[in-house]
Amino acid sequence: MNFEIKELDVVALLRDQPEAELVKGQVGTVVEKLGETTYEVEFSDDDGRAYAICAIKEEDLMVLHYAQIEAA
């Protein structure tokens, strides 16, 4: 089942992003769609301070869901 990534979606990294010093599993928020398959994602600490904002390819992101979703 594929989900369209939208602004303000909470996402997790599927691959390390060494150029941004981010590792697989870190969680961020989509702030803008930059192109067909690229999104600007903000990564923040527990106090809401952004520590990284970078462009991430759709293939390197997984949308997180906080409500039950029907399986395909």
PDB file of N, CA and C in Angstrom:
ATOM      1  N   MET A   1       0.848  -1.167   0.000  1.00  0.00           N
ATOM      2  CA  MET A   1       0.000   0.000   0.000  1.00  0.00           C
ATOM      3  C   MET A   1       0.901   1.239   0.000  1.00  0.00           C
ATOM      4  N   ASN A   2       0.715   2.121  -0.949  1.00  0.00           N
ATOM      5  CA  ASN A   2       1.495   3.345  -1.053  1.00  0.00           C
ATOM      6  C   ASN A   2       0.705   4.519  -0.503  1.00  0.00           C
ATOM      7  N   PHE A   3       1.365   5.382   0.226  1.00  0.00           N
ATOM      8  CA  PHE A   3       0.739   6.578   0.756  1.00  0.00           C
ATOM      9  C   PHE A   3       1.439   7.787   0.186  1.00  0.00           C
ATOM     10  N   GLU A   4       0.662   8.753  -0.280  1.00  0.00           N
ATOM     11  CA  GLU A   4       1.220   9.992  -0.788  1.00  0.00           C
ATOM     12  C   GLU A   4       1.767  10.795   0.388  1.00  0.00           C
ATOM     13  N   ILE A   5       2.975  11.298   0.247  1.00  0.00           N
ATOM     14  CA  ILE A   5       3.573  12.128   1.286  1.00  0.00           C
ATOM     15  C   ILE A   5       3.038  13.548   1.126  1.00  0.00           C
ATOM     16  N   LYS A   6       2.590  14.133   2.248  1.00  0.00           N
ATOM     17  CA  LYS A   6       2.015  15.481   2.233  1.00  0.00           C
ATOM     18  C   LYS A   6       2.748  16.361   3.243  1.00  0.00           C
ATOM     19  N   GLU A   7       2.575  17.683   3.077  1.00  0.00           N
ATOM     20  CA  GLU A   7       3.140  18.609   4.058  1.00  0.00           C
ATOM     21  C   GLU A   7       2.612  18.275   5.445  1.00  0.00           C
ATOM     22  N   LEU A   8       3.479  18.383   6.422  1.00  0.00           N
ATOM     23  CA  LEU A   8       3.229  18.127   7.842  1.00  0.00           C
ATOM     24  C   LEU A   8       3.134  16.651   8.199  1.00  0.00           C
ATOM     25  N   ASP A   9       3.336  15.745   7.232  1.00  0.00           N
ATOM     26  CA  ASP A   9       3.415  14.321   7.561  1.00  0.00           C
ATOM     27  C   ASP A   9       4.661  14.081   8.414  1.00  0.00           C
ATOM     28  N   VAL A  10       4.535  13.188   9.376  1.00  0.00           N
ATOM     29  CA  VAL A  10       5.677  12.753  10.172  1.00  0.00           C
ATOM     30  C   VAL A  10       6.280  11.560   9.451  1.00  0.00           C
ATOM     31  N   VAL A  11       7.584  11.626   9.221  1.00  0.00           N
ATOM     32  CA  VAL A  11       8.267  10.593   8.441  1.00  0.00           C
ATOM     33  C   VAL A  11       9.506  10.099   9.181  1.00  0.00           C
ATOM     34  N   ALA A  12       9.934   8.902   8.816  1.00  0.00           N
ATOM     35  CA  ALA A  12      11.176   8.339   9.342  1.00  0.00           C
ATOM     36  C   ALA A  12      12.111   8.064   8.173  1.00  0.00           C
ATOM     37  N   LEU A  13      13.404   8.206   8.432  1.00  0.00           N
ATOM     38  CA  LEU A  13      14.405   7.923   7.397  1.00  0.00           C
ATOM     39  C   LEU A  13      14.576   6.422   7.212  1.00  0.00           C
ATOM     40  N   LEU A  14      14.627   5.986   5.973  1.00  0.00           N
ATOM     41  CA  LEU A  14      14.872   4.579   5.653  1.00  0.00           C
ATOM     42  C   LEU A  14      16.346   4.310   5.382  1.00  0.00           C
ATOM     43  N   ARG A  15      17.141   5.363   5.200  1.00  0.00           N
ATOM     44  CA  ARG A  15      18.582   5.242   4.937  1.00  0.00           C
ATOM     45  C   ARG A  15      19.313   6.364   5.675  1.00  0.00           C
ATOM     46  N   ASP A  16      20.552   6.088   6.046  1.00  0.00           N
ATOM     47  CA  ASP A  16      21.398   7.137   6.612  1.00  0.00           C
ATOM     48  C   ASP A  16      21.549   8.273   5.609  1.00  0.00           C
ATOM     49  N   GLN A  17      21.665   9.490   6.128  1.00  0.00           N
ATOM     50  CA  GLN A  17      21.922  10.691   5.322  1.00  0.00           C
ATOM     51  C   GLN A  17      23.194  11.319   5.892  1.00  0.00           C
ATOM     52  N   PRO A  18      24.362  10.735   5.581  1.00  0.00           N
ATOM     53  CA  PRO A  18      25.607  11.168   6.227  1.00  0.00           C
ATOM     54  C   PRO A  18      25.962  12.631   5.981  1.00  0.00           C
ATOM     55  N   GLU A  19      25.573  13.185   4.823  1.00  0.00           N
ATOM     56  CA  GLU A  19      25.885  14.587   4.533  1.00  0.00           C
ATOM     57  C   GLU A  19      25.160  15.530   5.490  1.00  0.00           C
ATOM     58  N   ALA A  20      24.047  15.070   6.069  1.00  0.00           N
ATOM     59  CA  ALA A  20      23.283  15.869   7.028  1.00  0.00           C
ATOM     60  C   ALA A  20      23.473  15.360   8.462  1.00  0.00           C
ATOM     61  N   GLU A  21      24.342  14.360   8.632  1.00  0.00           N
ATOM     62  CA  GLU A  21      24.590  13.731   9.932  1.00  0.00           C
ATOM     63  C   GLU A  21      23.316  13.153  10.544  1.00  0.00           C
ATOM     64  N   LEU A  22      22.495  12.527   9.679  1.00  0.00           N
ATOM     65  CA  LEU A  22      21.254  11.873  10.106  1.00  0.00           C
ATOM     66  C   LEU A  22      21.371  10.383   9.854  1.00  0.00           C
ATOM     67  N   VAL A  23      20.736   9.585  10.704  1.00  0.00           N
ATOM     68  CA  VAL A  23      20.807   8.137  10.559  1.00  0.00           C
ATOM     69  C   VAL A  23      19.419   7.535  10.354  1.00  0.00           C
ATOM     70  N   LYS A  24      19.419   6.359   9.761  1.00  0.00           N
ATOM     71  CA  LYS A  24      18.185   5.606   9.526  1.00  0.00           C
ATOM     72  C   LYS A  24      17.362   5.554  10.813  1.00  0.00           C
ATOM     73  N   GLY A  25      16.055   5.823  10.672  1.00  0.00           N
ATOM     74  CA  GLY A  25      15.150   5.764  11.814  1.00  0.00           C
ATOM     75  C   GLY A  25      14.847   7.101  12.446  1.00  0.00           C
ATOM     76  N   GLN A  26      15.665   8.131  12.154  1.00  0.00           N
ATOM     77  CA  GLN A  26      15.358   9.445  12.725  1.00  0.00           C
ATOM     78  C   GLN A  26      14.049   9.953  12.152  1.00  0.00           C
ATOM     79  N   VAL A  27      13.312  10.675  12.984  1.00  0.00           N
ATOM     80  CA  VAL A  27      11.969  11.128  12.641  1.00  0.00           C
ATOM     81  C   VAL A  27      11.966  12.633  12.420  1.00  0.00           C
ATOM     82  N   GLY A  28      11.259  13.047  11.344  1.00  0.00           N
ATOM     83  CA  GLY A  28      11.144  14.464  11.032  1.00  0.00           C
ATOM     84  C   GLY A  28       9.759  14.781  10.497  1.00  0.00           C
ATOM     85  N   THR A  29       9.570  16.046  10.136  1.00  0.00           N
ATOM     86  CA  THR A  29       8.290  16.525   9.611  1.00  0.00           C
ATOM     87  C   THR A  29       8.495  17.127   8.238  1.00  0.00           C
ATOM     88  N   VAL A  30       7.651  16.731   7.294  1.00  0.00           N
ATOM     89  CA  VAL A  30       7.718  17.286   5.940  1.00  0.00           C
ATOM     90  C   VAL A  30       7.216  18.726   5.997  1.00  0.00           C
ATOM     91  N   VAL A  31       8.043  19.660   5.494  1.00  0.00           N
ATOM     92  CA  VAL A  31       7.631  21.060   5.497  1.00  0.00           C
ATOM     93  C   VAL A  31       7.321  21.587   4.098  1.00  0.00           C
ATOM     94  N   GLU A  32       7.808  20.892   3.065  1.00  0.00           N
ATOM     95  CA  GLU A  32       7.545  21.362   1.703  1.00  0.00           C
ATOM     96  C   GLU A  32       7.896  20.269   0.697  1.00  0.00           C
ATOM     97  N   LYS A  33       7.155  20.228  -0.394  1.00  0.00           N
ATOM     98  CA  LYS A  33       7.490  19.355  -1.516  1.00  0.00           C
ATOM     99  C   LYS A  33       8.353  20.176  -2.468  1.00  0.00           C
ATOM    100  N   LEU A  34       9.557  19.683  -2.749  1.00  0.00           N
ATOM    101  CA  LEU A  34      10.517  20.440  -3.555  1.00  0.00           C
ATOM    102  C   LEU A  34      10.493  20.067  -5.029  1.00  0.00           C
ATOM    103  N   GLY A  35       9.997  18.901  -5.341  1.00  0.00           N
ATOM    104  CA  GLY A  35       9.942  18.429  -6.724  1.00  0.00           C
ATOM    105  C   GLY A  35       9.057  17.207  -6.778  1.00  0.00           C
ATOM    106  N   GLU A  36       9.121  16.494  -7.875  1.00  0.00           N
ATOM    107  CA  GLU A  36       8.278  15.299  -8.035  1.00  0.00           C
ATOM    108  C   GLU A  36       8.501  14.276  -6.929  1.00  0.00           C
ATOM    109  N   THR A  37       9.760  14.083  -6.521  1.00  0.00           N
ATOM    110  CA  THR A  37      10.061  13.016  -5.558  1.00  0.00           C
ATOM    111  C   THR A  37      10.980  13.471  -4.428  1.00  0.00           C
ATOM    112  N   THR A  38      11.064  14.760  -4.183  1.00  0.00           N
ATOM    113  CA  THR A  38      11.948  15.278  -3.136  1.00  0.00           C
ATOM    114  C   THR A  38      11.163  16.177  -2.186  1.00  0.00           C
ATOM    115  N   TYR A  39      11.466  16.032  -0.898  1.00  0.00           N
ATOM    116  CA  TYR A  39      10.763  16.776   0.144  1.00  0.00           C
ATOM    117  C   TYR A  39      11.759  17.441   1.076  1.00  0.00           C
ATOM    118  N   GLU A  40      11.399  18.628   1.552  1.00  0.00           N
ATOM    119  CA  GLU A  40      12.181  19.273   2.594  1.00  0.00           C
ATOM    120  C   GLU A  40      11.637  18.774   3.925  1.00  0.00           C
ATOM    121  N   VAL A  41      12.528  18.217   4.739  1.00  0.00           N
ATOM    122  CA  VAL A  41      12.127  17.618   6.004  1.00  0.00           C
ATOM    123  C   VAL A  41      12.899  18.304   7.135  1.00  0.00           C
ATOM    124  N   GLU A  42      12.169  18.657   8.184  1.00  0.00           N
ATOM    125  CA  GLU A  42      12.781  19.275   9.358  1.00  0.00           C
ATOM    126  C   GLU A  42      12.870  18.243  10.473  1.00  0.00           C
ATOM    127  N   PHE A  43      14.058  18.160  11.064  1.00  0.00           N
ATOM    128  CA  PHE A  43      14.307  17.262  12.188  1.00  0.00           C
ATOM    129  C   PHE A  43      14.524  18.126  13.424  1.00  0.00           C
ATOM    130  N   SER A  44      13.746  17.859  14.488  1.00  0.00           N
ATOM    131  CA  SER A  44      13.777  18.691  15.692  1.00  0.00           C
ATOM    132  C   SER A  44      14.047  17.847  16.929  1.00  0.00           C
ATOM    133  N   ASP A  45      14.593  18.508  17.949  1.00  0.00           N
ATOM    134  CA  ASP A  45      14.834  17.813  19.211  1.00  0.00           C
ATOM    135  C   ASP A  45      13.549  17.805  20.052  1.00  0.00           C
ATOM    136  N   ASP A  46      13.631  17.262  21.260  1.00  0.00           N
ATOM    137  CA  ASP A  46      12.455  17.144  22.131  1.00  0.00           C
ATOM    138  C   ASP A  46      11.883  18.495  22.548  1.00  0.00           C
ATOM    139  N   ASP A  47      12.683  19.561  22.428  1.00  0.00           N
ATOM    140  CA  ASP A  47      12.213  20.895  22.780  1.00  0.00           C
ATOM    141  C   ASP A  47      11.705  21.670  21.572  1.00  0.00           C
ATOM    142  N   GLY A  48      11.651  21.011  20.407  1.00  0.00           N
ATOM    143  CA  GLY A  48      11.131  21.642  19.205  1.00  0.00           C
ATOM    144  C   GLY A  48      12.135  22.472  18.428  1.00  0.00           C
ATOM    145  N   ARG A  49      13.406  22.424  18.824  1.00  0.00           N
ATOM    146  CA  ARG A  49      14.442  23.165  18.105  1.00  0.00           C
ATOM    147  C   ARG A  49      14.956  22.333  16.938  1.00  0.00           C
ATOM    148  N   ALA A  50      14.899  22.920  15.757  1.00  0.00           N
ATOM    149  CA  ALA A  50      15.370  22.205  14.557  1.00  0.00           C
ATOM    150  C   ALA A  50      16.881  22.026  14.611  1.00  0.00           C
ATOM    151  N   TYR A  51      17.335  20.808  14.356  1.00  0.00           N
ATOM    152  CA  TYR A  51      18.766  20.557  14.286  1.00  0.00           C
ATOM    153  C   TYR A  51      19.201  20.195  12.873  1.00  0.00           C
ATOM    154  N   ALA A  52      18.235  19.965  11.974  1.00  0.00           N
ATOM    155  CA  ALA A  52      18.549  19.700  10.566  1.00  0.00           C
ATOM    156  C   ALA A  52      17.315  19.963   9.723  1.00  0.00           C
ATOM    157  N   ILE A  53      17.531  20.594   8.593  1.00  0.00           N
ATOM    158  CA  ILE A  53      16.489  20.775   7.585  1.00  0.00           C
ATOM    159  C   ILE A  53      17.147  20.432   6.263  1.00  0.00           C
ATOM    160  N   CYS A  54      16.639  19.410   5.592  1.00  0.00           N
ATOM    161  CA  CYS A  54      17.303  19.002   4.359  1.00  0.00           C
ATOM    162  C   CYS A  54      16.333  18.370   3.372  1.00  0.00           C
ATOM    163  N   ALA A  55      16.780  18.314   2.124  1.00  0.00           N
ATOM    164  CA  ALA A  55      16.011  17.695   1.045  1.00  0.00           C
ATOM    165  C   ALA A  55      16.251  16.186   1.088  1.00  0.00           C
ATOM    166  N   ILE A  56      15.159  15.441   1.102  1.00  0.00           N
ATOM    167  CA  ILE A  56      15.228  13.978   1.168  1.00  0.00           C
ATOM    168  C   ILE A  56      14.369  13.404   0.050  1.00  0.00           C
ATOM    169  N   LYS A  57      14.903  12.406  -0.640  1.00  0.00           N
ATOM    170  CA  LYS A  57      14.160  11.717  -1.698  1.00  0.00           C
ATOM    171  C   LYS A  57      13.036  10.876  -1.093  1.00  0.00           C
ATOM    172  N   GLU A  58      11.918  10.811  -1.807  1.00  0.00           N
ATOM    173  CA  GLU A  58      10.749  10.046  -1.367  1.00  0.00           C
ATOM    174  C   GLU A  58      11.118   8.600  -1.035  1.00  0.00           C
ATOM    175  N   GLU A  59      11.999   8.002  -1.807  1.00  0.00           N
ATOM    176  CA  GLU A  59      12.386   6.599  -1.600  1.00  0.00           C
ATOM    177  C   GLU A  59      13.125   6.375  -0.279  1.00  0.00           C
ATOM    178  N   ASP A  60      13.588   7.459   0.344  1.00  0.00           N
ATOM    179  CA  ASP A  60      14.309   7.365   1.611  1.00  0.00           C
ATOM    180  C   ASP A  60      13.431   7.703   2.809  1.00  0.00           C
ATOM    181  N   LEU A  61      12.106   7.840   2.582  1.00  0.00           N
ATOM    182  CA  LEU A  61      11.183   8.218   3.646  1.00  0.00           C
ATOM    183  C   LEU A  61      10.065   7.203   3.823  1.00  0.00           C
ATOM    184  N   MET A  62       9.610   7.060   5.067  1.00  0.00           N
ATOM    185  CA  MET A  62       8.443   6.252   5.381  1.00  0.00           C
ATOM    186  C   MET A  62       7.504   7.121   6.211  1.00  0.00           C
ATOM    187  N   VAL A  63       6.250   7.242   5.774  1.00  0.00           N
ATOM    188  CA  VAL A  63       5.255   8.005   6.521  1.00  0.00           C
ATOM    189  C   VAL A  63       4.856   7.194   7.751  1.00  0.00           C
ATOM    190  N   LEU A  64       4.835   7.866   8.905  1.00  0.00           N
ATOM    191  CA  LEU A  64       4.412   7.214  10.146  1.00  0.00           C
ATOM    192  C   LEU A  64       2.937   7.497  10.384  1.00  0.00           C
ATOM    193  N   HIS A  65       2.227   6.506  10.907  1.00  0.00           N
ATOM    194  CA  HIS A  65       0.789   6.621  11.139  1.00  0.00           C
ATOM    195  C   HIS A  65       0.500   6.410  12.620  1.00  0.00           C
ATOM    196  N   TYR A  66      -0.378   7.245  13.168  1.00  0.00           N
ATOM    197  CA  TYR A  66      -0.712   7.160  14.586  1.00  0.00           C
ATOM    198  C   TYR A  66      -2.133   6.682  14.811  1.00  0.00           C
ATOM    199  N   ALA A  67      -2.802   6.268  13.751  1.00  0.00           N
ATOM    200  CA  ALA A  67      -4.156   5.733  13.858  1.00  0.00           C
ATOM    201  C   ALA A  67      -4.200   4.431  13.064  1.00  0.00           C
ATOM    202  N   GLN A  68      -5.124   3.583  13.390  1.00  0.00           N
ATOM    203  CA  GLN A  68      -5.253   2.309  12.703  1.00  0.00           C
ATOM    204  C   GLN A  68      -5.578   2.542  11.225  1.00  0.00           C
ATOM    205  N   ILE A  69      -4.895   1.775  10.365  1.00  0.00           N
ATOM    206  CA  ILE A  69      -5.124   1.843   8.926  1.00  0.00           C
ATOM    207  C   ILE A  69      -5.447   0.434   8.445  1.00  0.00           C
ATOM    208  N   GLU A  70      -6.449   0.325   7.605  1.00  0.00           N
ATOM    209  CA  GLU A  70      -6.858  -0.973   7.089  1.00  0.00           C
ATOM    210  C   GLU A  70      -5.768  -1.541   6.178  1.00  0.00           C
ATOM    211  N   ALA A  71      -5.391  -2.781   6.404  1.00  0.00           N
ATOM    212  CA  ALA A  71      -4.378  -3.440   5.594  1.00  0.00           C
ATOM    213  C   ALA A  71      -4.940  -3.749   4.209  1.00  0.00           C
ATOM    214  N   ALA A  72      -4.056  -3.781   3.240  1.00  0.00           N
ATOM    215  CA  ALA A  72      -4.459  -4.073   1.865  1.00  0.00           C
ATOM    216  C   ALA A  72      -4.807  -5.526   1.688  1.00  0.00           C
TER     217      ALA A  72
END
